[in-house]
Each structure stands twice: as structure tokens, then as C-alpha cells.
Amino acid sequence: MDAATDWPELSEARDGATIATLHLFSQVAGKVAVALLPWRNHGWHVTLHLHPRGLKTELLHGASGEFELGFDLVDHYFTLADQTGLRTLSLAPMSVALFYERVMALLTQAGHHVDIHPLPNEVTPAIAFRDDTRPRIYELDSVTRLLRALLTADRIFHLFRSSFLGKASPVHFFWGSFDLAVTRFSGRTAPPHPGGIPRLPDTVTREAYSHEVSSAGFWPGGAMGGAPMFYSYAYPQPDGFAAARVEPEAARWDQALGEFVLDYDAVRLAPDPEATLLAFLASTYAAAADLAHWDRTALECAIGRPRVPRSVE
């Protein structure tokens, strides 16, 4: 594959404002899932999922029937699909308030009456959707770059996930923090999380981290700013984790975040971006698992290959 195509330039300076817009827009869709779906372990039911054209919810079961919400980031539409057909509204520069108003009207027109919590999560300051009237930027080129980067990261995260036999999350997209993530579990319970994540109820955080994890992901930026990066962390954090030696050399420990980070450009510009990212994922997981004494022999297997079932002999 062509690294220049699969790993497009993505920067806070050029693309950050559009990514921030999508972060806030995505929360409106995500909160519909929160309102309708029964709670599933670790909040996995409310995440968005990548598909070739963008992001979508899982199947939503409302009082008026089943439907799905999505972001077509190729033709730039917000979509509502149900058995009556496909309804769309254009994604373009607009305020969060206008987007919220249009989405709620689209739901009503389709007969899906949903009452959502009107404030964004994990964003400060948290301005109610209907009150966030500031004009927002939506640049088509930035959206195209973001989608390509997400799809490529998704492919490699699935490859990484295939080498783990224990409980593992789907590769899915969290609209609160606006990141693509995959999480591995040791199988052991964890001490209660202290909470304190801005605009996220502690009950949600504690349920999400009820069990010991090593988690990694791709964060392209968001409403609070920041440069695109990959990350990896462990909860609970084992002694010595911050000082562990990980790959590649460009990876570093971020004390403020409490996790290892690797700049997006360190992957994009590497001679072999896929190998570079896999090395980061594997080495940070290994550091967490070894220091926390996971049963790695029982939990791991070779990376999966198409058409080749895992050997159990």
C-alpha cells in the first residue's frame, strides 16, 4: 500500500477546527444511542463504528422501530436510515446549535422521538448544544484526510486485536473523547476508578474501568485542541510502567495524560508506518502485561491471517 495515501497529512493547524466540529456533531448522534440502548459493559453500546464512508451507530431500537444514524464523510451527509428509507442533511459549516436543531427535526420527521441529554461530554466548557451558536468550520479536505487516517488505523488495530485470545473490545470510536480505541483485558477486576474525567459521570468511568485493561487508540484531535497522536495506557497502572522501554524511539511517556504517546507524524513519516505502529501497540501492551503479571501465554496468539483459522492443536 502507498503510505502517502494511507497516511495523509493531518495537523492541528490545518485540520483541527474541522475535527473539533465533527467531535461536537458526533456527540449529538452518540447521545441518541445513550438514550435508547440498554447499558452494555464498558459503554460499548454507545460507540460509533467505522465503515468505508465514515462513522455510524449500531442498530438503534426506538419506540417507533429500528434505525441507524451516521456520518457519510465522503459525500458529507448526516444520515438516518430506517425501513422507510434514507434521510440526510448536509454536513457543512454551521453552528452546533443549528446541527442539533436539524438532527432533532430529522428524527421527529422520521417518527423517532428521542429525548437526549443536551450537553457534550468530556469537553470544557460544556455548552448546551442549543446554545452553542458559534460558527463552526467544516473543510471537505480535512474531513477526507481524517477519514483516510481513521480507516488505516482501524485496519492496523484489527490486526493487533487478532493476536489476543482473552476478552477484548471491538475496535470502535468513542465520541466523548473522539478517539478510535481497542482494549485488552487481563480477566481480573480492577480497583474502583477515581473518576474526575471532565463532563463524564464517575459512575460511567468506574463501570468502564471495572476490570484490568491495556488500552490503545488513535486520537486525531478534538474540541479542546491538540495534535493527532496514538496512545497506550494501563488501568490500574502497574509500578514501573511510566519508565518502561517501548518502541519506537519516538514514543514517549506523557505525564499529564498518564500514558504513552506517539505522534501521528512519527508513524506517517516512518519508512514502514504499519510496522512502526504495530511496534508501539505491541511494546506498550507487553510492558503493561509483564509489569502487572498477566497470563500472557494463555491470553495471546499469533497475528491472524485471512482464511487461516487459529491452530488449536
Protein backbone atom coordinates (compact mmCIF):
# COMPACT_ATOMS: atom_id res chain seq x y z
CA MET A 1 0.00 0.00 0.00
CA ASP A 2 1.01 3.60 -0.58
CA ALA A 3 1.92 5.17 2.78
CA ALA A 4 1.40 8.67 1.39
CA THR A 5 -2.18 7.77 0.51
CA ASP A 6 -2.97 5.65 3.55
CA TRP A 7 -1.37 8.11 5.98
CA PRO A 8 -2.37 11.58 4.78
CA GLU A 9 -1.01 14.73 6.36
CA LEU A 10 -3.15 15.62 9.36
CA SER A 11 -2.34 18.62 11.50
CA GLU A 12 -3.93 20.65 14.24
CA ALA A 13 -3.17 23.91 12.42
CA ARG A 14 -4.93 22.99 9.18
CA ASP A 15 -7.44 20.31 10.21
CA GLY A 16 -8.04 20.90 13.90
CA ALA A 17 -11.03 23.23 13.57
CA THR A 18 -12.91 20.80 11.34
CA ILE A 19 -12.08 17.87 13.63
CA ALA A 20 -13.40 19.91 16.56
CA THR A 21 -16.65 20.47 14.66
CA LEU A 22 -17.06 16.76 13.98
CA HIS A 23 -16.29 15.99 17.62
CA LEU A 24 -19.23 18.10 18.77
CA PHE A 25 -21.54 16.95 15.96
CA SER A 26 -20.79 13.30 16.78
CA GLN A 27 -21.90 13.78 20.37
CA VAL A 28 -25.45 14.55 19.23
CA ALA A 29 -25.65 11.19 17.43
CA GLY A 30 -23.95 9.33 20.27
CA LYS A 31 -26.39 10.61 22.83
CA VAL A 32 -29.28 9.11 20.87
CA ALA A 33 -27.69 5.71 21.47
CA VAL A 34 -27.30 6.55 25.16
CA ALA A 35 -31.00 7.40 25.36
CA LEU A 36 -32.25 4.24 23.63
CA LEU A 37 -29.96 1.26 24.19
CA PRO A 38 -29.70 -0.81 27.38
CA TRP A 39 -26.36 -0.31 29.08
CA ARG A 40 -23.71 -2.76 27.96
CA ASN A 41 -20.41 -3.45 29.65
CA HIS A 42 -17.92 -0.59 29.47
CA GLY A 43 -20.27 1.62 27.48
CA TRP A 44 -19.59 -0.29 24.26
CA HIS A 45 -23.17 0.16 23.06
CA VAL A 46 -22.85 3.92 22.58
CA THR A 47 -19.71 3.95 20.45
CA LEU A 48 -19.59 4.74 16.76
CA HIS A 49 -18.21 2.29 14.22
CA LEU A 50 -16.17 2.90 11.11
CA HIS A 51 -17.37 1.89 7.67
CA PRO A 52 -15.89 2.77 4.26
CA ARG A 53 -17.74 6.09 4.09
CA GLY A 54 -17.48 7.28 7.67
CA LEU A 55 -18.99 6.57 11.07
CA LYS A 56 -22.29 5.13 12.24
CA THR A 57 -24.12 3.99 15.33
CA GLU A 58 -25.08 0.38 15.82
CA LEU A 59 -28.69 -0.55 15.24
CA LEU A 60 -30.91 1.63 17.45
CA HIS A 61 -34.18 0.23 18.74
CA GLY A 62 -36.68 3.03 19.32
CA ALA A 63 -40.35 3.00 20.24
CA SER A 64 -41.21 3.65 16.58
CA GLY A 65 -38.88 0.98 15.18
CA GLU A 66 -35.28 0.38 14.30
CA PHE A 67 -32.95 2.96 12.79
CA GLU A 68 -29.32 3.94 12.43
CA LEU A 69 -27.53 7.28 12.47
CA GLY A 70 -24.33 8.02 10.65
CA PHE A 71 -21.84 10.43 9.17
CA ASP A 72 -21.15 9.99 5.47
CA LEU A 73 -17.73 11.66 5.30
CA VAL A 74 -17.37 11.01 1.57
CA ASP A 75 -20.44 12.85 0.28
CA HIS A 76 -20.73 14.85 3.53
CA TYR A 77 -24.15 13.97 4.86
CA PHE A 78 -25.56 13.14 8.25
CA THR A 79 -27.78 10.12 7.69
CA LEU A 80 -30.80 8.47 9.28
CA ALA A 81 -31.65 5.05 7.87
CA ASP A 82 -34.74 3.01 8.76
CA GLN A 83 -37.21 0.77 6.96
CA THR A 84 -38.83 3.75 5.26
CA GLY A 85 -35.59 4.76 3.56
CA LEU A 86 -32.64 7.08 3.99
CA ARG A 87 -32.93 10.66 5.21
CA THR A 88 -30.00 13.04 5.04
CA LEU A 89 -28.88 16.51 5.99
CA SER A 90 -25.80 18.18 4.56
CA LEU A 91 -22.64 18.42 6.62
CA ALA A 92 -21.28 21.93 6.12
CA PRO A 93 -20.03 24.90 8.11
CA MET A 94 -22.68 25.62 10.74
CA SER A 95 -23.06 26.07 14.46
CA VAL A 96 -23.56 23.14 16.83
CA ALA A 97 -26.94 24.68 17.69
CA LEU A 98 -28.08 24.54 14.07
CA PHE A 99 -26.79 20.99 13.60
CA TYR A 100 -28.56 19.88 16.79
CA GLU A 101 -31.80 21.53 15.68
CA ARG A 102 -31.65 19.85 12.28
CA VAL A 103 -30.84 16.40 13.67
CA MET A 104 -33.68 16.53 16.19
CA ALA A 105 -36.05 17.69 13.42
CA LEU A 106 -34.88 14.82 11.19
CA LEU A 107 -35.58 12.33 13.97
CA THR A 108 -39.04 13.80 14.53
CA GLN A 109 -39.86 13.75 10.81
CA ALA A 110 -38.91 10.07 10.70
CA GLY A 111 -41.18 9.34 13.66
CA HIS A 112 -38.36 8.65 16.11
CA HIS A 113 -38.98 10.83 19.15
CA VAL A 114 -35.87 10.78 21.33
CA ASP A 115 -35.07 12.93 24.35
CA ILE A 116 -31.29 13.30 24.69
CA HIS A 117 -29.09 14.94 27.28
CA PRO A 118 -28.30 18.32 25.70
CA LEU A 119 -24.74 18.85 26.96
CA PRO A 120 -21.49 17.50 25.45
CA ASN A 121 -19.34 15.07 27.44
CA GLU A 122 -15.59 15.23 28.11
CA VAL A 123 -15.46 18.81 26.83
CA THR A 124 -14.88 22.01 28.80
CA PRO A 125 -16.56 24.38 28.80
CA ALA A 126 -19.66 22.25 28.18
CA ILE A 127 -22.04 24.50 26.26
CA ALA A 128 -25.53 23.11 25.72
CA PHE A 129 -26.00 22.10 22.09
CA ARG A 130 -28.87 24.52 21.54
CA ASP A 131 -26.81 27.39 22.98
CA ASP A 132 -23.61 26.75 21.02
CA THR A 133 -24.27 29.26 18.25
CA ARG A 134 -20.66 29.97 17.32
CA PRO A 135 -19.97 29.39 13.59
CA ARG A 136 -18.04 26.14 13.08
CA ILE A 137 -15.61 25.24 10.31
CA TYR A 138 -16.18 22.19 8.10
CA GLU A 139 -13.48 21.82 5.45
CA LEU A 140 -14.03 18.97 2.98
CA ASP A 141 -10.33 18.27 2.53
CA SER A 142 -9.79 17.97 6.28
CA VAL A 143 -12.69 15.53 6.55
CA THR A 144 -11.26 13.42 3.73
CA ARG A 145 -7.87 13.32 5.44
CA LEU A 146 -9.42 12.38 8.77
CA LEU A 147 -11.45 9.52 7.29
CA ARG A 148 -8.44 8.07 5.48
CA ALA A 149 -6.33 8.18 8.64
CA LEU A 150 -9.09 6.56 10.70
CA LEU A 151 -9.63 3.76 8.18
CA THR A 152 -5.93 2.95 8.07
CA ALA A 153 -5.59 2.99 11.84
CA ASP A 154 -8.69 0.78 12.07
CA ARG A 155 -7.07 -1.82 9.80
CA ILE A 156 -3.93 -2.00 11.93
CA PHE A 157 -5.86 -2.01 15.20
CA HIS A 158 -7.84 -5.02 13.93
CA LEU A 159 -4.58 -6.74 13.06
CA PHE A 160 -3.27 -6.06 16.55
CA ARG A 161 -6.53 -7.25 18.13
CA SER A 162 -6.31 -10.56 16.26
CA SER A 163 -3.31 -11.65 18.36
CA PHE A 164 -5.24 -11.70 21.65
CA LEU A 165 -7.37 -14.61 22.89
CA GLY A 166 -8.74 -13.01 26.02
CA LYS A 167 -11.59 -10.56 26.34
CA ALA A 168 -11.04 -7.61 24.03
CA SER A 169 -13.22 -4.73 22.95
CA PRO A 170 -14.26 -4.12 19.37
CA VAL A 171 -12.22 -1.54 17.50
CA HIS A 172 -14.65 1.34 17.97
CA PHE A 173 -14.90 5.11 18.13
CA PHE A 174 -15.67 7.00 21.33
CA TRP A 175 -17.44 10.27 20.53
CA GLY A 176 -16.92 11.69 24.03
CA SER A 177 -13.13 11.72 23.78
CA PHE A 178 -13.21 11.47 19.95
CA ASP A 179 -10.80 8.58 19.53
CA LEU A 180 -10.59 5.18 17.86
CA ALA A 181 -9.72 2.59 20.50
CA VAL A 182 -9.15 -1.09 21.20
CA THR A 183 -8.83 -2.53 24.71
CA ARG A 184 -7.44 -5.81 26.07
CA PHE A 185 -8.47 -7.29 29.42
CA SER A 186 -6.45 -9.47 31.78
CA GLY A 187 -9.58 -11.11 33.17
CA ARG A 188 -9.10 -9.66 36.64
CA THR A 189 -11.20 -6.99 38.31
CA ALA A 190 -9.68 -3.58 38.99
CA PRO A 191 -9.88 -1.22 41.97
CA PRO A 192 -12.57 1.47 41.65
CA HIS A 193 -11.52 4.20 39.25
CA PRO A 194 -11.12 7.58 41.00
CA GLY A 195 -13.20 9.31 38.32
CA GLY A 196 -12.77 13.01 37.75
CA ILE A 197 -12.85 12.99 33.94
CA PRO A 198 -14.35 16.35 32.90
CA ARG A 199 -18.04 16.18 32.00
CA LEU A 200 -18.23 12.40 32.44
CA PRO A 201 -20.16 10.94 35.38
CA ASP A 202 -17.93 8.97 37.75
CA THR A 203 -20.40 6.09 37.62
CA VAL A 204 -19.72 5.76 33.88
CA THR A 205 -15.96 5.88 34.36
CA ARG A 206 -15.98 3.32 37.16
CA GLU A 207 -18.09 0.89 35.16
CA ALA A 208 -15.84 1.38 32.12
CA TYR A 209 -12.75 0.52 34.18
CA SER A 210 -14.24 -2.21 36.34
CA HIS A 211 -11.63 -4.66 35.05
CA GLU A 212 -7.90 -4.52 34.46
CA VAL A 213 -7.03 -3.24 30.97
CA SER A 214 -4.36 -2.31 28.50
CA SER A 215 -5.89 0.11 26.02
CA ALA A 216 -4.58 1.82 22.90
CA GLY A 217 -6.01 4.18 20.37
CA PHE A 218 -5.76 6.97 17.82
CA TRP A 219 -6.78 10.47 18.80
CA PRO A 220 -6.91 12.85 15.80
CA GLY A 221 -7.69 15.97 17.82
CA GLY A 222 -10.97 17.36 19.07
CA ALA A 223 -12.94 20.20 20.55
CA MET A 224 -10.28 21.02 23.12
CA GLY A 225 -7.42 21.15 20.60
CA GLY A 226 -4.27 19.10 20.26
CA ALA A 227 -2.13 17.41 17.62
CA PRO A 228 -3.01 13.93 16.28
CA MET A 229 -1.39 11.06 18.16
CA PHE A 230 -1.55 7.42 19.09
CA TYR A 231 -1.70 6.47 22.76
CA SER A 232 -1.48 3.49 25.09
CA TYR A 233 -2.23 3.21 28.80
CA ALA A 234 -2.99 0.67 31.51
CA TYR A 235 -5.51 0.69 34.31
CA PRO A 236 -4.61 0.17 37.03
CA GLN A 237 -1.19 1.46 36.13
CA PRO A 238 1.40 -1.09 37.31
CA ASP A 239 4.51 0.04 39.15
CA GLY A 240 7.29 0.97 36.74
CA PHE A 241 5.01 1.38 33.71
CA ALA A 242 5.95 5.00 33.04
CA ALA A 243 9.65 4.08 32.92
CA ALA A 244 9.22 1.04 30.67
CA ARG A 245 11.18 0.90 27.44
CA VAL A 246 8.83 0.86 24.48
CA GLU A 247 9.08 1.15 20.72
CA PRO A 248 9.65 3.06 18.51
CA GLU A 249 12.24 5.50 19.77
CA ALA A 250 9.86 8.40 19.09
CA ALA A 251 7.33 7.09 21.64
CA ARG A 252 7.32 8.89 24.96
CA TRP A 253 5.57 8.94 28.32
CA ASP A 254 3.19 11.88 28.79
CA GLN A 255 3.00 12.61 32.49
CA ALA A 256 -0.07 14.84 32.22
CA LEU A 257 -2.04 12.21 30.31
CA GLY A 258 -0.62 9.27 32.23
CA GLU A 259 0.00 7.28 29.05
CA PHE A 260 2.50 6.55 26.32
CA VAL A 261 2.02 8.65 23.19
CA LEU A 262 3.35 8.52 19.66
CA ASP A 263 2.85 11.46 17.33
CA TYR A 264 0.83 10.73 14.20
CA ASP A 265 3.64 12.14 12.07
CA ALA A 266 6.13 9.70 13.63
CA VAL A 267 4.04 6.92 12.11
CA ARG A 268 3.13 8.69 8.87
CA LEU A 269 6.73 9.58 8.02
CA ALA A 270 8.29 6.29 9.11
CA PRO A 271 9.81 4.05 6.41
CA ASP A 272 7.27 1.37 7.38
CA PRO A 273 4.29 3.05 9.08
CA GLU A 274 2.43 -0.21 9.74
CA ALA A 275 5.40 -1.86 11.44
CA THR A 276 6.06 1.31 13.43
CA LEU A 277 2.51 1.45 14.77
CA LEU A 278 2.38 -2.29 15.48
CA ALA A 279 5.64 -1.98 17.43
CA PHE A 280 4.14 0.78 19.55
CA LEU A 281 0.95 -1.20 20.21
CA ALA A 282 2.78 -4.43 21.00
CA SER A 283 5.55 -2.99 23.16
CA THR A 284 3.29 -0.81 25.30
CA TYR A 285 0.88 -3.71 25.81
CA ALA A 286 3.80 -6.02 26.71
CA ALA A 287 5.08 -3.51 29.26
CA ALA A 288 1.66 -3.30 30.90
CA ALA A 289 1.07 -7.05 30.82
CA ASP A 290 4.51 -8.02 32.12
CA LEU A 291 4.56 -5.48 34.93
CA ALA A 292 1.04 -6.44 36.02
CA HIS A 293 1.78 -10.19 35.68
CA TRP A 294 -0.87 -11.06 33.11
CA ASP A 295 -1.00 -14.69 32.00
CA ARG A 296 0.34 -13.87 28.56
CA THR A 297 0.76 -17.49 27.49
CA ALA A 298 -2.95 -18.10 27.94
CA LEU A 299 -4.06 -14.76 26.53
CA GLU A 300 -2.04 -14.37 23.34
CA CYS A 301 -1.74 -15.97 19.93
CA ALA A 302 -0.15 -15.23 16.56
CA ILE A 303 -1.49 -12.36 14.48
CA GLY A 304 -4.39 -13.56 12.39
CA ARG A 305 -4.23 -14.20 8.65
CA PRO A 306 -7.07 -14.24 6.14
CA ARG A 307 -8.57 -17.74 5.59
CA VAL A 308 -6.28 -19.34 8.20
CA PRO A 309 -8.08 -20.47 11.40
CA ARG A 310 -6.02 -20.28 14.58
CA SER A 311 -4.38 -23.61 15.30
CA VAL A 312 -5.63 -25.28 18.50
CA GLU A 313 -3.58 -28.45 18.29
